[in-house]
Amino acid sequence: MTAQPTPTRVTSSSRIPGITKYRVIALPDSDRLTQFFTRPGADMFEVFPAVDGRYGMGVEGFNSRRASELYGRETSAPEKAITLSHLGVMREFAQEQGSDDDFLVVAEDDAQLGDDFEEILSRLMETSRGLGIVVLAHPQGIAGSRQAVETNGWKLFLSPLATRLRSSSGRTYRRGHYSGVLWGAVLYVVRRDAARRYAQMADSTGGPAWLADDWWRISQYAHVDVQVLLPNLAYWTAESTFRGVSAERDEAPKLGARVRQSLALRTRVKVLRNGTAVALREIADRVETGEWYR
């Protein structure tokens, strides 16, 4: 098993109660970090060194055989490195002392935080009870945009009972369970207990065999509740040094082919694609957490 990368020292402090750490995953030669740190709220992040899989090195800890069985194709070295990098930052957070209810925010180096990032994240933390992972930005949407979320026929819908979060700019965001396809790990927030489950999942299966973007499989294997925030809280660039020379991030119009190649999600989300089923899930969670009784 390849040793996990040694993280840099975290010196920043959070301005948002409930969030104790912010990490941006990047290679040492990333040309995206300068731009990343120009955005409001980025000053709270510290760099987590990514596994450099661009040339096929340092990815021995990835369970390639199992991944081939799951996805029906060979996984590229950059894809393995991305997964190992996200696992590394999750493991770092899971092993630290602190409450199970503490949260970590993770960004990739090609994220560009939106104007509402800090304000909406603060409001999200006010409703964080029971959350596991919330995807804050993904390739199917644009930061702050209310446009329909659809890419090459793949649709992402939120529960009609999703929690509404309004910024001072007048934009309304919604956070909740979803139906359809959720793909992309450019920006998300994770509770320490969920990060611990994520790391334990890798340890119990002989190394990670999933892609870092594969939220459906992560939620199933790690038994972690994954929700989504719409619209995005970040923009993303067309390519990333972290993603590597052979694994540039797909632009939205090309996403459908990538998803179809990696996942057979149409058959795996039959229940969640039904809006009523998602709404019932939302009701159950609110009853369990007591959100409707406060």
Protein backbone atom coordinates (compact mmCIF):
# COMPACT_ATOMS: atom_id res chain seq x y z
CA MET A 1 0.00 0.00 0.00
CA THR A 2 1.45 3.33 -1.03
CA ALA A 3 2.04 5.75 1.84
CA GLN A 4 -0.34 8.67 1.96
CA PRO A 5 1.09 12.09 1.06
CA THR A 6 2.34 14.15 3.97
CA PRO A 7 -0.05 17.09 4.38
CA THR A 8 1.16 20.62 4.83
CA ARG A 9 0.66 22.31 8.20
CA VAL A 10 -2.77 23.88 8.60
CA THR A 11 -2.54 27.42 9.92
CA SER A 12 -5.77 29.04 8.75
CA SER A 13 -8.74 29.48 11.05
CA SER A 14 -12.35 29.05 10.10
CA ARG A 15 -14.82 31.91 10.23
CA ILE A 16 -17.73 29.48 10.03
CA PRO A 17 -18.86 27.63 13.18
CA GLY A 18 -18.89 23.87 12.68
CA ILE A 19 -16.15 23.84 10.02
CA THR A 20 -12.69 23.16 11.43
CA LYS A 21 -10.61 22.65 8.28
CA TYR A 22 -10.42 23.72 4.62
CA ARG A 23 -8.19 21.88 2.14
CA VAL A 24 -7.48 22.45 -1.55
CA ILE A 25 -5.92 19.42 -3.25
CA ALA A 26 -3.16 20.32 -5.70
CA LEU A 27 0.16 19.21 -7.14
CA PRO A 28 3.27 21.21 -6.21
CA ASP A 29 3.49 22.62 -9.75
CA SER A 30 -0.21 23.49 -10.00
CA ASP A 31 -0.76 26.62 -12.07
CA ARG A 32 -4.29 27.00 -10.67
CA LEU A 33 -3.55 27.85 -7.05
CA THR A 34 -2.73 31.52 -7.63
CA GLN A 35 -6.14 32.03 -9.19
CA PHE A 36 -7.82 29.86 -6.55
CA PHE A 37 -6.54 32.04 -3.70
CA THR A 38 -7.82 35.26 -5.29
CA ARG A 39 -11.43 34.33 -4.56
CA PRO A 40 -13.34 35.45 -1.43
CA GLY A 41 -13.17 32.77 1.25
CA ALA A 42 -10.14 31.02 -0.24
CA ASP A 43 -7.89 32.46 2.47
CA MET A 44 -9.29 29.83 4.86
CA PHE A 45 -7.86 26.98 2.74
CA GLU A 46 -4.52 25.23 3.05
CA VAL A 47 -2.96 23.11 0.31
CA PHE A 48 -3.08 19.33 0.58
CA PRO A 49 -0.42 17.75 -1.69
CA ALA A 50 -2.02 15.55 -4.32
CA VAL A 51 -0.72 12.17 -5.41
CA ASP A 52 1.06 12.76 -8.72
CA GLY A 53 -0.30 10.07 -11.04
CA ARG A 54 0.39 11.82 -14.32
CA TYR A 55 3.17 9.40 -15.18
CA GLY A 56 1.79 6.27 -13.58
CA MET A 57 3.75 6.50 -10.33
CA GLY A 58 2.53 6.49 -6.74
CA VAL A 59 -0.83 4.86 -7.39
CA GLU A 60 -0.07 1.33 -6.20
CA GLY A 61 -2.54 1.68 -3.34
CA PHE A 62 -5.47 1.82 -5.75
CA ASN A 63 -7.38 -1.45 -6.17
CA SER A 64 -7.12 -1.62 -9.97
CA ARG A 65 -8.46 -5.14 -10.33
CA ARG A 66 -11.65 -4.39 -8.43
CA ALA A 67 -12.09 -1.07 -10.23
CA SER A 68 -11.95 -2.85 -13.59
CA GLU A 69 -14.71 -5.17 -12.41
CA LEU A 70 -16.86 -2.26 -11.24
CA TYR A 71 -16.44 0.05 -14.24
CA GLY A 72 -15.80 -2.41 -17.04
CA ARG A 73 -12.62 -0.63 -18.18
CA GLU A 74 -9.08 0.13 -17.09
CA THR A 75 -8.76 3.10 -14.74
CA SER A 76 -6.18 5.68 -15.77
CA ALA A 77 -3.24 6.64 -13.54
CA PRO A 78 -4.56 10.21 -13.03
CA GLU A 79 -7.98 8.84 -12.02
CA LYS A 80 -6.29 6.59 -9.46
CA ALA A 81 -4.23 9.49 -8.17
CA ILE A 82 -7.30 11.68 -7.79
CA THR A 83 -9.07 9.02 -5.74
CA LEU A 84 -6.00 8.45 -3.54
CA SER A 85 -5.66 12.21 -3.02
CA HIS A 86 -9.26 12.57 -1.86
CA LEU A 87 -8.82 9.51 0.35
CA GLY A 88 -5.72 11.12 1.84
CA VAL A 89 -7.47 14.32 2.81
CA MET A 90 -10.41 12.35 4.22
CA ARG A 91 -8.06 10.14 6.24
CA GLU A 92 -6.18 13.15 7.60
CA PHE A 93 -9.44 14.63 8.89
CA ALA A 94 -10.75 11.30 10.20
CA GLN A 95 -7.64 10.64 12.27
CA GLU A 96 -7.50 14.03 13.96
CA GLN A 97 -8.96 14.67 17.38
CA GLY A 98 -12.26 16.44 17.37
CA SER A 99 -15.99 15.98 17.38
CA ASP A 100 -17.68 13.59 14.95
CA ASP A 101 -19.84 16.58 14.03
CA ASP A 102 -16.91 18.75 12.85
CA PHE A 103 -16.84 19.50 9.12
CA LEU A 104 -14.11 19.67 6.48
CA VAL A 105 -14.38 21.57 3.19
CA VAL A 106 -12.48 20.05 0.25
CA ALA A 107 -11.75 21.79 -3.05
CA GLU A 108 -9.80 20.78 -6.12
CA ASP A 109 -7.28 23.23 -7.52
CA ASP A 110 -9.47 24.17 -10.49
CA ALA A 111 -12.32 25.39 -8.28
CA GLN A 112 -13.14 29.09 -8.31
CA LEU A 113 -15.24 29.92 -5.26
CA GLY A 114 -18.43 31.83 -5.99
CA ASP A 115 -19.31 35.19 -4.46
CA ASP A 116 -21.80 33.56 -2.06
CA PHE A 117 -19.41 30.84 -0.88
CA GLU A 118 -18.84 31.93 2.69
CA GLU A 119 -22.33 33.23 3.36
CA ILE A 120 -24.18 30.19 2.01
CA LEU A 121 -21.75 27.79 3.65
CA SER A 122 -22.48 29.52 6.97
CA ARG A 123 -26.21 29.10 6.41
CA LEU A 124 -25.74 25.47 5.42
CA MET A 125 -23.91 24.80 8.70
CA GLU A 126 -26.93 26.16 10.57
CA THR A 127 -28.88 23.19 9.16
CA SER A 128 -26.02 20.66 9.30
CA ARG A 129 -27.49 18.21 11.80
CA GLY A 130 -27.44 14.71 10.31
CA LEU A 131 -25.49 15.66 7.19
CA GLY A 132 -22.73 13.40 5.85
CA ILE A 133 -21.42 14.85 2.59
CA VAL A 134 -22.84 17.78 0.64
CA VAL A 135 -21.53 18.33 -2.89
CA LEU A 136 -21.22 22.10 -3.30
CA ALA A 137 -20.10 22.23 -6.95
CA HIS A 138 -20.15 19.77 -9.84
CA PRO A 139 -19.73 19.91 -13.64
CA GLN A 140 -23.47 19.90 -14.32
CA GLY A 141 -24.07 23.43 -13.04
CA ILE A 142 -22.76 26.98 -12.97
CA ALA A 143 -22.02 28.95 -9.81
CA GLY A 144 -25.05 31.01 -8.83
CA SER A 145 -27.03 30.03 -11.92
CA ARG A 146 -30.64 28.90 -11.66
CA GLN A 147 -30.58 27.23 -15.07
CA ALA A 148 -31.95 23.72 -15.42
CA VAL A 149 -29.39 21.06 -14.57
CA GLU A 150 -29.17 18.79 -17.58
CA THR A 151 -26.22 17.46 -19.55
CA ASN A 152 -26.67 15.29 -22.64
CA GLY A 153 -29.90 13.87 -21.28
CA TRP A 154 -28.56 13.24 -17.80
CA LYS A 155 -30.64 15.19 -15.32
CA LEU A 156 -30.14 16.08 -11.69
CA PHE A 157 -33.19 16.92 -9.59
CA LEU A 158 -33.48 17.99 -6.00
CA SER A 159 -36.21 16.90 -3.64
CA PRO A 160 -39.14 19.35 -3.65
CA LEU A 161 -38.63 19.53 0.12
CA ALA A 162 -34.99 20.60 -0.16
CA THR A 163 -33.86 23.17 2.43
CA ARG A 164 -33.71 26.70 0.99
CA LEU A 165 -30.78 28.98 1.76
CA ARG A 166 -30.93 32.60 0.65
CA SER A 167 -27.93 34.90 0.29
CA SER A 168 -27.88 38.66 0.81
CA SER A 169 -27.35 38.97 -2.95
CA GLY A 170 -30.87 37.60 -3.44
CA ARG A 171 -29.86 34.19 -4.82
CA THR A 172 -31.70 31.18 -3.47
CA TYR A 173 -29.84 27.89 -3.01
CA ARG A 174 -31.34 24.51 -2.15
CA ARG A 175 -29.74 21.63 -0.28
CA GLY A 176 -31.16 18.13 -0.17
CA HIS A 177 -31.38 14.63 -1.57
CA TYR A 178 -31.38 14.20 -5.31
CA SER A 179 -32.43 11.93 -8.11
CA GLY A 180 -30.52 11.37 -11.34
CA VAL A 181 -26.78 11.72 -11.90
CA LEU A 182 -24.42 13.54 -9.55
CA TRP A 183 -20.84 13.53 -10.79
CA GLY A 184 -17.82 15.60 -9.79
CA ALA A 185 -15.72 16.38 -6.72
CA VAL A 186 -14.60 19.95 -7.36
CA LEU A 187 -15.98 21.22 -4.02
CA TYR A 188 -17.74 19.49 -1.12
CA VAL A 189 -18.15 19.54 2.65
CA VAL A 190 -17.88 16.36 4.74
CA ARG A 191 -18.54 15.59 8.40
CA ARG A 192 -15.73 13.90 10.34
CA ASP A 193 -17.83 10.79 10.99
CA ALA A 194 -18.48 10.46 7.24
CA ALA A 195 -14.77 10.95 6.46
CA ARG A 196 -13.98 8.17 8.92
CA ARG A 197 -16.42 5.84 7.17
CA TYR A 198 -14.88 6.77 3.83
CA ALA A 199 -11.40 5.84 5.06
CA GLN A 200 -12.61 2.64 6.72
CA MET A 201 -14.30 1.62 3.48
CA ALA A 202 -10.96 1.79 1.67
CA ASP A 203 -9.18 -0.15 4.41
CA SER A 204 -11.77 -2.93 4.41
CA THR A 205 -11.77 -3.44 0.62
CA GLY A 206 -8.05 -3.72 -0.09
CA GLY A 207 -7.70 -0.12 -1.21
CA PRO A 208 -10.10 2.24 -3.00
CA ALA A 209 -11.64 0.89 -6.18
CA TRP A 210 -14.01 3.77 -6.90
CA LEU A 211 -13.51 7.08 -8.67
CA ALA A 212 -13.44 10.19 -6.49
CA ASP A 213 -16.33 11.62 -8.53
CA ASP A 214 -18.52 8.55 -8.04
CA TRP A 215 -20.86 9.79 -5.34
CA TRP A 216 -23.43 7.03 -5.85
CA ARG A 217 -20.90 4.30 -5.19
CA ILE A 218 -19.29 6.15 -2.29
CA SER A 219 -22.65 6.61 -0.59
CA GLN A 220 -23.49 2.92 -1.05
CA TYR A 221 -20.14 1.47 0.04
CA ALA A 222 -19.37 3.81 2.94
CA HIS A 223 -23.00 4.09 4.09
CA VAL A 224 -22.73 7.87 3.96
CA ASP A 225 -25.61 10.18 3.15
CA VAL A 226 -24.67 12.30 0.12
CA GLN A 227 -26.68 15.42 -0.68
CA VAL A 228 -26.20 18.23 -3.16
CA LEU A 229 -26.44 22.02 -3.13
CA LEU A 230 -27.91 23.78 -6.15
CA PRO A 231 -26.85 26.00 -7.76
CA ASN A 232 -23.07 25.57 -7.51
CA LEU A 233 -21.00 27.46 -4.95
CA ALA A 234 -17.98 27.45 -7.29
CA TYR A 235 -17.00 27.72 -10.91
CA TRP A 236 -14.46 25.33 -12.38
CA THR A 237 -11.84 25.66 -15.11
CA ALA A 238 -11.69 23.54 -18.25
CA GLU A 239 -8.59 21.67 -17.12
CA SER A 240 -6.60 21.09 -13.96
CA THR A 241 -2.96 20.46 -13.13
CA PHE A 242 -4.26 18.14 -10.41
CA ARG A 243 -6.30 16.20 -12.95
CA GLY A 244 -3.17 15.60 -14.98
CA VAL A 245 -2.13 15.60 -18.60
CA SER A 246 -4.31 12.65 -19.53
CA ALA A 247 -7.27 13.35 -17.29
CA GLU A 248 -8.42 16.90 -17.98
CA ARG A 249 -11.80 17.78 -16.55
CA ASP A 250 -14.60 17.33 -19.05
CA GLU A 251 -16.57 20.42 -19.96
CA ALA A 252 -20.29 20.12 -19.38
CA PRO A 253 -21.29 19.20 -22.97
CA LYS A 254 -18.91 16.22 -22.87
CA LEU A 255 -19.93 14.94 -19.46
CA GLY A 256 -22.54 12.47 -20.66
CA ALA A 257 -20.02 10.29 -22.46
CA ARG A 258 -17.77 10.17 -19.43
CA VAL A 259 -20.60 9.24 -17.12
CA ARG A 260 -21.91 6.57 -19.46
CA GLN A 261 -18.44 5.09 -19.73
CA SER A 262 -17.86 5.04 -15.99
CA LEU A 263 -21.29 4.20 -14.59
CA ALA A 264 -24.49 2.46 -15.53
CA LEU A 265 -26.42 4.86 -13.33
CA ARG A 266 -29.68 4.66 -15.21
CA THR A 267 -30.22 1.22 -13.70
CA ARG A 268 -28.84 2.13 -10.30
CA VAL A 269 -30.96 5.14 -9.44
CA LYS A 270 -34.42 3.89 -10.31
CA VAL A 271 -35.76 4.59 -6.85
CA LEU A 272 -34.05 7.94 -6.43
CA ARG A 273 -35.17 9.12 -9.87
CA ASN A 274 -38.70 9.17 -8.61
CA GLY A 275 -39.39 12.58 -7.10
CA THR A 276 -41.81 11.14 -4.57
CA ALA A 277 -39.21 8.69 -3.29
CA VAL A 278 -36.69 11.49 -2.81
CA ALA A 279 -39.25 13.60 -0.99
CA LEU A 280 -40.04 10.70 1.34
CA ARG A 281 -36.32 10.36 2.06
CA GLU A 282 -36.21 14.06 2.92
CA ILE A 283 -39.17 13.70 5.28
CA ALA A 284 -37.59 10.70 7.02
CA ASP A 285 -34.34 12.57 7.56
CA ARG A 286 -36.09 15.62 8.97
CA VAL A 287 -38.08 13.51 11.38
CA GLU A 288 -34.95 11.60 12.44
CA THR A 289 -32.89 14.73 13.04
CA GLY A 290 -35.78 16.59 14.65
CA GLU A 291 -35.50 19.46 12.16
CA TRP A 292 -39.27 19.79 11.94
CA TYR A 293 -39.66 19.92 15.72
CA ARG A 294 -37.26 22.78 16.47
